[in-house]
Amino acid sequence: MHMNKKRIAAVLGLMLIGLLYAAVLVLAFIDSSFARSCLMAALFGTIVIPAVIYGYMIFVGRRDEGGDGEDGGV
């Protein structure tokens, strides 16, 4: 089950990054002044989106594992 969540998160992250770059490409072709800001957002997202997904996976993994024995045996 955990592998399925990781795969879904990875695919969603790739789709989001792809959409950011597609928007940059379209805006660059129509010569929009907003294209430079979108490029910076896409570059930022290329770094931040995978980091957020990785952090989410760590949080979910620890939360799922933490249910055993944390209550002190009560």
PDB file of N, CA and C in Angstrom:
ATOM      1  N   MET A   1       0.819  -1.202   0.000  1.00  0.00           N
ATOM      2  CA  MET A   1       0.000   0.000   0.000  1.00  0.00           C
ATOM      3  C   MET A   1       0.853   1.253   0.000  1.00  0.00           C
ATOM      4  N   HIS A   2       1.991   1.206   0.740  1.00  0.00           N
ATOM      5  CA  HIS A   2       2.856   2.382   0.809  1.00  0.00           C
ATOM      6  C   HIS A   2       3.462   2.698  -0.544  1.00  0.00           C
ATOM      7  N   MET A   3       3.800   1.675  -1.318  1.00  0.00           N
ATOM      8  CA  MET A   3       4.406   1.912  -2.616  1.00  0.00           C
ATOM      9  C   MET A   3       3.420   2.596  -3.547  1.00  0.00           C
ATOM     10  N   ASN A   4       2.153   2.272  -3.421  1.00  0.00           N
ATOM     11  CA  ASN A   4       1.140   2.894  -4.250  1.00  0.00           C
ATOM     12  C   ASN A   4       1.034   4.387  -3.937  1.00  0.00           C
ATOM     13  N   LYS A   5       1.084   4.770  -2.665  1.00  0.00           N
ATOM     14  CA  LYS A   5       1.029   6.184  -2.283  1.00  0.00           C
ATOM     15  C   LYS A   5       2.233   6.940  -2.810  1.00  0.00           C
ATOM     16  N   LYS A   6       3.393   6.318  -2.735  1.00  0.00           N
ATOM     17  CA  LYS A   6       4.612   6.956  -3.234  1.00  0.00           C
ATOM     18  C   LYS A   6       4.536   7.164  -4.739  1.00  0.00           C
ATOM     19  N   ARG A   7       4.037   6.165  -5.428  1.00  0.00           N
ATOM     20  CA  ARG A   7       3.932   6.267  -6.886  1.00  0.00           C
ATOM     21  C   ARG A   7       2.947   7.355  -7.284  1.00  0.00           C
ATOM     22  N   ILE A   8       1.820   7.437  -6.607  1.00  0.00           N
ATOM     23  CA  ILE A   8       0.827   8.472  -6.900  1.00  0.00           C
ATOM     24  C   ILE A   8       1.402   9.851  -6.629  1.00  0.00           C
ATOM     25  N   ALA A   9       2.095  10.013  -5.502  1.00  0.00           N
ATOM     26  CA  ALA A   9       2.700  11.300  -5.172  1.00  0.00           C
ATOM     27  C   ALA A   9       3.755  11.683  -6.203  1.00  0.00           C
ATOM     28  N   ALA A  10       4.544  10.728  -6.654  1.00  0.00           N
ATOM     29  CA  ALA A  10       5.574  11.002  -7.650  1.00  0.00           C
ATOM     30  C   ALA A  10       4.959  11.427  -8.979  1.00  0.00           C
ATOM     31  N   VAL A  11       3.921  10.741  -9.397  1.00  0.00           N
ATOM     32  CA  VAL A  11       3.267  11.087 -10.666  1.00  0.00           C
ATOM     33  C   VAL A  11       2.625  12.471 -10.572  1.00  0.00           C
ATOM     34  N   LEU A  12       1.977  12.770  -9.463  1.00  0.00           N
ATOM     35  CA  LEU A  12       1.374  14.094  -9.299  1.00  0.00           C
ATOM     36  C   LEU A  12       2.437  15.188  -9.289  1.00  0.00           C
ATOM     37  N   GLY A  13       3.552  14.928  -8.639  1.00  0.00           N
ATOM     38  CA  GLY A  13       4.643  15.896  -8.627  1.00  0.00           C
ATOM     39  C   GLY A  13       5.206  16.140 -10.018  1.00  0.00           C
ATOM     40  N   LEU A  14       5.400  15.073 -10.777  1.00  0.00           N
ATOM     41  CA  LEU A  14       5.895  15.224 -12.143  1.00  0.00           C
ATOM     42  C   LEU A  14       4.907  15.970 -13.026  1.00  0.00           C
ATOM     43  N   MET A  15       3.622  15.700 -12.837  1.00  0.00           N
ATOM     44  CA  MET A  15       2.608  16.409 -13.619  1.00  0.00           C
ATOM     45  C   MET A  15       2.605  17.901 -13.282  1.00  0.00           C
ATOM     46  N   LEU A  16       2.735  18.232 -12.021  1.00  0.00           N
ATOM     47  CA  LEU A  16       2.753  19.628 -11.608  1.00  0.00           C
ATOM     48  C   LEU A  16       3.968  20.358 -12.167  1.00  0.00           C
ATOM     49  N   ILE A  17       5.130  19.733 -12.091  1.00  0.00           N
ATOM     50  CA  ILE A  17       6.336  20.338 -12.652  1.00  0.00           C
ATOM     51  C   ILE A  17       6.207  20.471 -14.170  1.00  0.00           C
ATOM     52  N   GLY A  18       5.668  19.462 -14.822  1.00  0.00           N
ATOM     53  CA  GLY A  18       5.455  19.524 -16.269  1.00  0.00           C
ATOM     54  C   GLY A  18       4.511  20.643 -16.668  1.00  0.00           C
ATOM     55  N   LEU A  19       3.446  20.827 -15.885  1.00  0.00           N
ATOM     56  CA  LEU A  19       2.509  21.921 -16.169  1.00  0.00           C
ATOM     57  C   LEU A  19       3.166  23.282 -15.993  1.00  0.00           C
ATOM     58  N   LEU A  20       4.027  23.406 -14.996  1.00  0.00           N
ATOM     59  CA  LEU A  20       4.745  24.667 -14.808  1.00  0.00           C
ATOM     60  C   LEU A  20       5.614  24.982 -16.028  1.00  0.00           C
ATOM     61  N   TYR A  21       6.358  23.993 -16.516  1.00  0.00           N
ATOM     62  CA  TYR A  21       7.217  24.225 -17.670  1.00  0.00           C
ATOM     63  C   TYR A  21       6.410  24.431 -18.949  1.00  0.00           C
ATOM     64  N   ALA A  22       5.271  23.772 -19.088  1.00  0.00           N
ATOM     65  CA  ALA A  22       4.414  23.988 -20.256  1.00  0.00           C
ATOM     66  C   ALA A  22       3.885  25.422 -20.262  1.00  0.00           C
ATOM     67  N   ALA A  23       3.500  25.927 -19.095  1.00  0.00           N
ATOM     68  CA  ALA A  23       3.034  27.312 -19.005  1.00  0.00           C
ATOM     69  C   ALA A  23       4.145  28.284 -19.375  1.00  0.00           C
ATOM     70  N   VAL A  24       5.364  28.009 -18.926  1.00  0.00           N
ATOM     71  CA  VAL A  24       6.501  28.868 -19.273  1.00  0.00           C
ATOM     72  C   VAL A  24       6.728  28.864 -20.778  1.00  0.00           C
ATOM     73  N   LEU A  25       6.656  27.691 -21.382  1.00  0.00           N
ATOM     74  CA  LEU A  25       6.879  27.576 -22.819  1.00  0.00           C
ATOM     75  C   LEU A  25       5.820  28.345 -23.609  1.00  0.00           C
ATOM     76  N   VAL A  26       4.566  28.194 -23.243  1.00  0.00           N
ATOM     77  CA  VAL A  26       3.484  28.894 -23.936  1.00  0.00           C
ATOM     78  C   VAL A  26       3.635  30.400 -23.769  1.00  0.00           C
ATOM     79  N   LEU A  27       3.916  30.853 -22.554  1.00  0.00           N
ATOM     80  CA  LEU A  27       4.071  32.289 -22.315  1.00  0.00           C
ATOM     81  C   LEU A  27       5.290  32.850 -23.036  1.00  0.00           C
ATOM     82  N   ALA A  28       6.335  32.057 -23.181  1.00  0.00           N
ATOM     83  CA  ALA A  28       7.513  32.523 -23.913  1.00  0.00           C
ATOM     84  C   ALA A  28       7.196  32.680 -25.399  1.00  0.00           C
ATOM     85  N   PHE A  29       6.392  31.776 -25.934  1.00  0.00           N
ATOM     86  CA  PHE A  29       6.035  31.884 -27.351  1.00  0.00           C
ATOM     87  C   PHE A  29       5.122  33.068 -27.633  1.00  0.00           C
ATOM     88  N   ILE A  30       4.248  33.407 -26.711  1.00  0.00           N
ATOM     89  CA  ILE A  30       3.370  34.555 -26.943  1.00  0.00           C
ATOM     90  C   ILE A  30       4.014  35.852 -26.455  1.00  0.00           C
ATOM     91  N   ASP A  31       5.269  35.771 -26.018  1.00  0.00           N
ATOM     92  CA  ASP A  31       6.081  36.924 -25.626  1.00  0.00           C
ATOM     93  C   ASP A  31       5.415  37.734 -24.517  1.00  0.00           C
ATOM     94  N   SER A  32       5.029  37.039 -23.484  1.00  0.00           N
ATOM     95  CA  SER A  32       4.405  37.683 -22.334  1.00  0.00           C
ATOM     96  C   SER A  32       5.482  38.174 -21.376  1.00  0.00           C
ATOM     97  N   SER A  33       5.225  39.299 -20.732  1.00  0.00           N
ATOM     98  CA  SER A  33       6.164  39.806 -19.726  1.00  0.00           C
ATOM     99  C   SER A  33       6.099  38.954 -18.459  1.00  0.00           C
ATOM    100  N   PHE A  34       5.056  38.184 -18.332  1.00  0.00           N
ATOM    101  CA  PHE A  34       4.859  37.301 -17.179  1.00  0.00           C
ATOM    102  C   PHE A  34       5.694  36.023 -17.293  1.00  0.00           C
ATOM    103  N   ALA A  35       6.267  35.768 -18.480  1.00  0.00           N
ATOM    104  CA  ALA A  35       7.007  34.531 -18.731  1.00  0.00           C
ATOM    105  C   ALA A  35       8.218  34.394 -17.818  1.00  0.00           C
ATOM    106  N   ARG A  36       8.929  35.488 -17.556  1.00  0.00           N
ATOM    107  CA  ARG A  36      10.118  35.407 -16.704  1.00  0.00           C
ATOM    108  C   ARG A  36       9.738  35.012 -15.275  1.00  0.00           C
ATOM    109  N   SER A  37       8.658  35.570 -14.768  1.00  0.00           N
ATOM    110  CA  SER A  37       8.198  35.205 -13.425  1.00  0.00           C
ATOM    111  C   SER A  37       7.785  33.737 -13.380  1.00  0.00           C
ATOM    112  N   CYS A  38       7.139  33.268 -14.422  1.00  0.00           N
ATOM    113  CA  CYS A  38       6.737  31.862 -14.479  1.00  0.00           C
ATOM    114  C   CYS A  38       7.950  30.948 -14.571  1.00  0.00           C
ATOM    115  N   LEU A  39       8.989  31.377 -15.278  1.00  0.00           N
ATOM    116  CA  LEU A  39      10.206  30.579 -15.352  1.00  0.00           C
ATOM    117  C   LEU A  39      10.829  30.449 -13.966  1.00  0.00           C
ATOM    118  N   MET A  40      10.881  31.538 -13.231  1.00  0.00           N
ATOM    119  CA  MET A  40      11.427  31.484 -11.880  1.00  0.00           C
ATOM    120  C   MET A  40      10.574  30.579 -10.986  1.00  0.00           C
ATOM    121  N   ALA A  41       9.250  30.633 -11.152  1.00  0.00           N
ATOM    122  CA  ALA A  41       8.356  29.764 -10.381  1.00  0.00           C
ATOM    123  C   ALA A  41       8.582  28.300 -10.750  1.00  0.00           C
ATOM    124  N   ALA A  42       8.807  28.015 -12.039  1.00  0.00           N
ATOM    125  CA  ALA A  42       9.050  26.638 -12.475  1.00  0.00           C
ATOM    126  C   ALA A  42      10.375  26.123 -11.919  1.00  0.00           C
ATOM    127  N   LEU A  43      11.397  26.959 -11.941  1.00  0.00           N
ATOM    128  CA  LEU A  43      12.687  26.540 -11.385  1.00  0.00           C
ATOM    129  C   LEU A  43      12.579  26.317  -9.882  1.00  0.00           C
ATOM    130  N   PHE A  44      11.866  27.186  -9.196  1.00  0.00           N
ATOM    131  CA  PHE A  44      11.631  27.031  -7.762  1.00  0.00           C
ATOM    132  C   PHE A  44      10.862  25.739  -7.491  1.00  0.00           C
ATOM    133  N   GLY A  45       9.822  25.497  -8.280  1.00  0.00           N
ATOM    134  CA  GLY A  45       9.006  24.296  -8.118  1.00  0.00           C
ATOM    135  C   GLY A  45       9.767  23.017  -8.397  1.00  0.00           C
ATOM    136  N   THR A  46      10.753  23.075  -9.304  1.00  0.00           N
ATOM    137  CA  THR A  46      11.562  21.911  -9.615  1.00  0.00           C
ATOM    138  C   THR A  46      12.332  21.443  -8.386  1.00  0.00           C
ATOM    139  N   ILE A  47      12.678  22.372  -7.525  1.00  0.00           N
ATOM    140  CA  ILE A  47      13.408  22.030  -6.305  1.00  0.00           C
ATOM    141  C   ILE A  47      12.450  21.746  -5.149  1.00  0.00           C
ATOM    142  N   VAL A  48      11.443  22.585  -4.988  1.00  0.00           N
ATOM    143  CA  VAL A  48      10.577  22.527  -3.809  1.00  0.00           C
ATOM    144  C   VAL A  48       9.571  21.376  -3.867  1.00  0.00           C
ATOM    145  N   ILE A  49       8.960  21.136  -5.003  1.00  0.00           N
ATOM    146  CA  ILE A  49       7.918  20.100  -5.100  1.00  0.00           C
ATOM    147  C   ILE A  49       8.451  18.719  -4.716  1.00  0.00           C
ATOM    148  N   PRO A  50       9.597  18.269  -5.271  1.00  0.00           N
ATOM    149  CA  PRO A  50      10.112  16.967  -4.826  1.00  0.00           C
ATOM    150  C   PRO A  50      10.496  16.948  -3.345  1.00  0.00           C
ATOM    151  N   ALA A  51      11.011  18.070  -2.833  1.00  0.00           N
ATOM    152  CA  ALA A  51      11.379  18.125  -1.419  1.00  0.00           C
ATOM    153  C   ALA A  51      10.147  18.007  -0.526  1.00  0.00           C
ATOM    154  N   VAL A  52       9.059  18.653  -0.911  1.00  0.00           N
ATOM    155  CA  VAL A  52       7.813  18.575  -0.135  1.00  0.00           C
ATOM    156  C   VAL A  52       7.248  17.156  -0.186  1.00  0.00           C
ATOM    157  N   ILE A  53       7.274  16.539  -1.350  1.00  0.00           N
ATOM    158  CA  ILE A  53       6.779  15.165  -1.469  1.00  0.00           C
ATOM    159  C   ILE A  53       7.627  14.218  -0.622  1.00  0.00           C
ATOM    160  N   TYR A  54       8.946  14.403  -0.642  1.00  0.00           N
ATOM    161  CA  TYR A  54       9.834  13.567   0.165  1.00  0.00           C
ATOM    162  C   TYR A  54       9.541  13.751   1.655  1.00  0.00           C
ATOM    163  N   GLY A  55       9.364  14.997   2.079  1.00  0.00           N
ATOM    164  CA  GLY A  55       9.030  15.260   3.481  1.00  0.00           C
ATOM    165  C   GLY A  55       7.699  14.646   3.868  1.00  0.00           C
ATOM    166  N   TYR A  56       6.730  14.704   2.970  1.00  0.00           N
ATOM    167  CA  TYR A  56       5.426  14.101   3.220  1.00  0.00           C
ATOM    168  C   TYR A  56       5.554  12.587   3.392  1.00  0.00           C
ATOM    169  N   MET A  57       6.369  11.966   2.535  1.00  0.00           N
ATOM    170  CA  MET A  57       6.561  10.520   2.632  1.00  0.00           C
ATOM    171  C   MET A  57       7.226  10.138   3.961  1.00  0.00           C
ATOM    172  N   ILE A  58       8.180  10.929   4.412  1.00  0.00           N
ATOM    173  CA  ILE A  58       8.821  10.657   5.697  1.00  0.00           C
ATOM    174  C   ILE A  58       7.805  10.798   6.826  1.00  0.00           C
ATOM    175  N   PHE A  59       7.010  11.859   6.780  1.00  0.00           N
ATOM    176  CA  PHE A  59       5.994  12.092   7.818  1.00  0.00           C
ATOM    177  C   PHE A  59       4.979  10.959   7.859  1.00  0.00           C
ATOM    178  N   VAL A  60       4.477  10.560   6.720  1.00  0.00           N
ATOM    179  CA  VAL A  60       3.485   9.490   6.664  1.00  0.00           C
ATOM    180  C   VAL A  60       4.095   8.169   7.114  1.00  0.00           C
ATOM    181  N   GLY A  61       5.335   7.904   6.722  1.00  0.00           N
ATOM    182  CA  GLY A  61       6.002   6.667   7.122  1.00  0.00           C
ATOM    183  C   GLY A  61       6.207   6.586   8.623  1.00  0.00           C
ATOM    184  N   ARG A  62       6.611   7.674   9.226  1.00  0.00           N
ATOM    185  CA  ARG A  62       6.817   7.681  10.677  1.00  0.00           C
ATOM    186  C   ARG A  62       5.497   7.626  11.430  1.00  0.00           C
ATOM    187  N   ARG A  63       4.484   8.258  10.887  1.00  0.00           N
ATOM    188  CA  ARG A  63       3.179   8.226  11.530  1.00  0.00           C
ATOM    189  C   ARG A  63       2.614   6.814  11.513  1.00  0.00           C
ATOM    190  N   ASP A  64       2.777   6.123  10.392  1.00  0.00           N
ATOM    191  CA  ASP A  64       2.276   4.740  10.289  1.00  0.00           C
ATOM    192  C   ASP A  64       3.060   3.791  11.179  1.00  0.00           C
ATOM    193  N   GLU A  65       4.361   3.990  11.310  1.00  0.00           N
ATOM    194  CA  GLU A  65       5.188   3.119  12.137  1.00  0.00           C
ATOM    195  C   GLU A  65       5.047   3.441  13.604  1.00  0.00           C
ATOM    196  N   GLY A  66       4.713   4.678  13.952  1.00  0.00           N
ATOM    197  CA  GLY A  66       4.714   5.125  15.341  1.00  0.00           C
ATOM    198  C   GLY A  66       3.575   4.611  16.180  1.00  0.00           C
ATOM    199  N   GLY A  67       2.648   3.892  15.650  1.00  0.00           N
ATOM    200  CA  GLY A  67       1.502   3.429  16.404  1.00  0.00           C
ATOM    201  C   GLY A  67       1.810   2.311  17.395  1.00  0.00           C
ATOM    202  N   ASP A  68       2.950   1.650  17.263  1.00  0.00           N
ATOM    203  CA  ASP A  68       3.276   0.510  18.111  1.00  0.00           C
ATOM    204  C   ASP A  68       4.213   0.930  19.242  1.00  0.00           C
ATOM    205  N   GLY A  69       3.753   0.827  20.462  1.00  0.00           N
ATOM    206  CA  GLY A  69       4.630   0.976  21.607  1.00  0.00           C
ATOM    207  C   GLY A  69       4.906   2.393  22.066  1.00  0.00           C
ATOM    208  N   GLU A  70       4.305   3.372  21.507  1.00  0.00           N
ATOM    209  CA  GLU A  70       4.569   4.748  21.933  1.00  0.00           C
ATOM    210  C   GLU A  70       3.807   5.118  23.213  1.00  0.00           C
ATOM    211  N   ASP A  71       2.795   4.374  23.530  1.00  0.00           N
ATOM    212  CA  ASP A  71       1.983   4.713  24.700  1.00  0.00           C
ATOM    213  C   ASP A  71       2.555   4.147  25.997  1.00  0.00           C
ATOM    214  N   GLY A  72       3.741   3.583  25.966  1.00  0.00           N
ATOM    215  CA  GLY A  72       4.389   3.094  27.176  1.00  0.00           C
ATOM    216  C   GLY A  72       3.844   1.779  27.678  1.00  0.00           C
ATOM    217  N   GLY A  73       3.164   1.021  26.851  1.00  0.00           N
ATOM    218  CA  GLY A  73       2.672  -0.280  27.248  1.00  0.00           C
ATOM    219  C   GLY A  73       1.357  -0.242  28.004  1.00  0.00           C
ATOM    220  N   VAL A  74       0.663   0.849  28.001  1.00  0.00           N
ATOM    221  CA  VAL A  74      -0.610   0.968  28.724  1.00  0.00           C
ATOM    222  C   VAL A  74      -1.729   0.413  27.902  1.00  0.00           C
TER     223      VAL A  74
END
